[in-house]
């Protein structure tokens, strides 16, 4: 193999790893975008009477 061929293969591997990293970041962003609104729908501890000043003795 010539130096040119090795350099070209090296560039292909760098570009393919950049694509994989970009796709992983996009997938993680989509995961976070779908999970965060679902967590807001869960009632908080204060709505169950476990918060400050509701039978816990702290005011």
Protein backbone atom coordinates (compact mmCIF):
# COMPACT_ATOMS: atom_id res chain seq x y z
CA UNK A 1 0.00 0.00 0.00
CA UNK A 2 1.17 3.45 -0.77
CA UNK A 3 1.23 6.37 1.63
CA UNK A 4 -1.64 7.96 -0.25
CA UNK A 5 -3.83 4.88 0.21
CA UNK A 6 -3.06 4.68 3.93
CA UNK A 7 -3.85 8.36 4.36
CA UNK A 8 -7.12 7.95 2.48
CA UNK A 9 -8.14 4.98 4.63
CA UNK A 10 -7.24 6.95 7.73
CA UNK A 11 -9.46 9.80 6.60
CA UNK A 12 -12.33 7.37 5.98
CA UNK A 13 -12.00 5.97 9.48
CA UNK A 14 -11.96 9.46 11.02
CA UNK A 15 -15.02 10.54 9.05
CA UNK A 16 -16.92 7.37 9.87
CA UNK A 17 -16.20 7.80 13.58
CA UNK A 18 -17.45 11.40 13.35
CA UNK A 19 -20.68 10.14 11.78
CA UNK A 20 -21.13 7.52 14.49
CA UNK A 21 -20.54 10.08 17.24
CA UNK A 22 -22.99 12.53 15.65
CA UNK A 23 -25.68 9.87 15.35
CA UNK A 24 -25.13 8.82 18.96
CA UNK A 25 -25.46 12.44 20.14
CA UNK A 26 -28.66 12.92 18.13
CA UNK A 27 -30.12 9.68 19.48
CA UNK A 28 -29.30 10.71 23.04
CA UNK A 29 -30.89 14.12 22.46
CA UNK A 30 -34.06 12.48 21.20
CA UNK A 31 -34.06 10.17 24.20
CA UNK A 32 -33.79 13.12 26.57
CA UNK A 33 -36.44 15.09 24.72
CA UNK A 34 -38.94 12.27 25.10
CA UNK A 35 -38.14 11.40 28.72
CA UNK A 36 -38.13 14.87 30.30
CA UNK A 37 -41.82 15.70 29.63
CA UNK A 38 -42.84 12.32 31.05
CA UNK A 39 -41.07 13.09 34.33
CA UNK A 40 -42.99 16.34 34.74
CA UNK A 41 -46.26 14.40 34.77
CA UNK A 42 -45.18 12.39 37.85
CA UNK A 43 -46.60 13.92 41.05
CA UNK A 44 -43.98 15.40 43.35
CA UNK A 45 -43.44 14.39 46.96
CA UNK A 46 -44.98 17.64 48.21
CA UNK A 47 -48.31 16.79 46.56
CA UNK A 48 -48.43 13.60 48.63
CA UNK A 49 -48.00 15.51 51.88
CA UNK A 50 -44.33 14.68 52.23
CA UNK A 51 -43.08 18.20 51.66
CA UNK A 52 -42.17 20.95 54.07
CA UNK A 53 -44.74 21.76 56.76
CA UNK A 54 -47.24 19.00 56.01
CA UNK A 55 -47.09 16.65 58.95
CA UNK A 56 -43.31 16.34 58.95
CA UNK A 57 -42.73 18.64 61.89
CA UNK A 58 -40.59 21.16 60.03
CA UNK A 59 -41.86 24.65 59.34
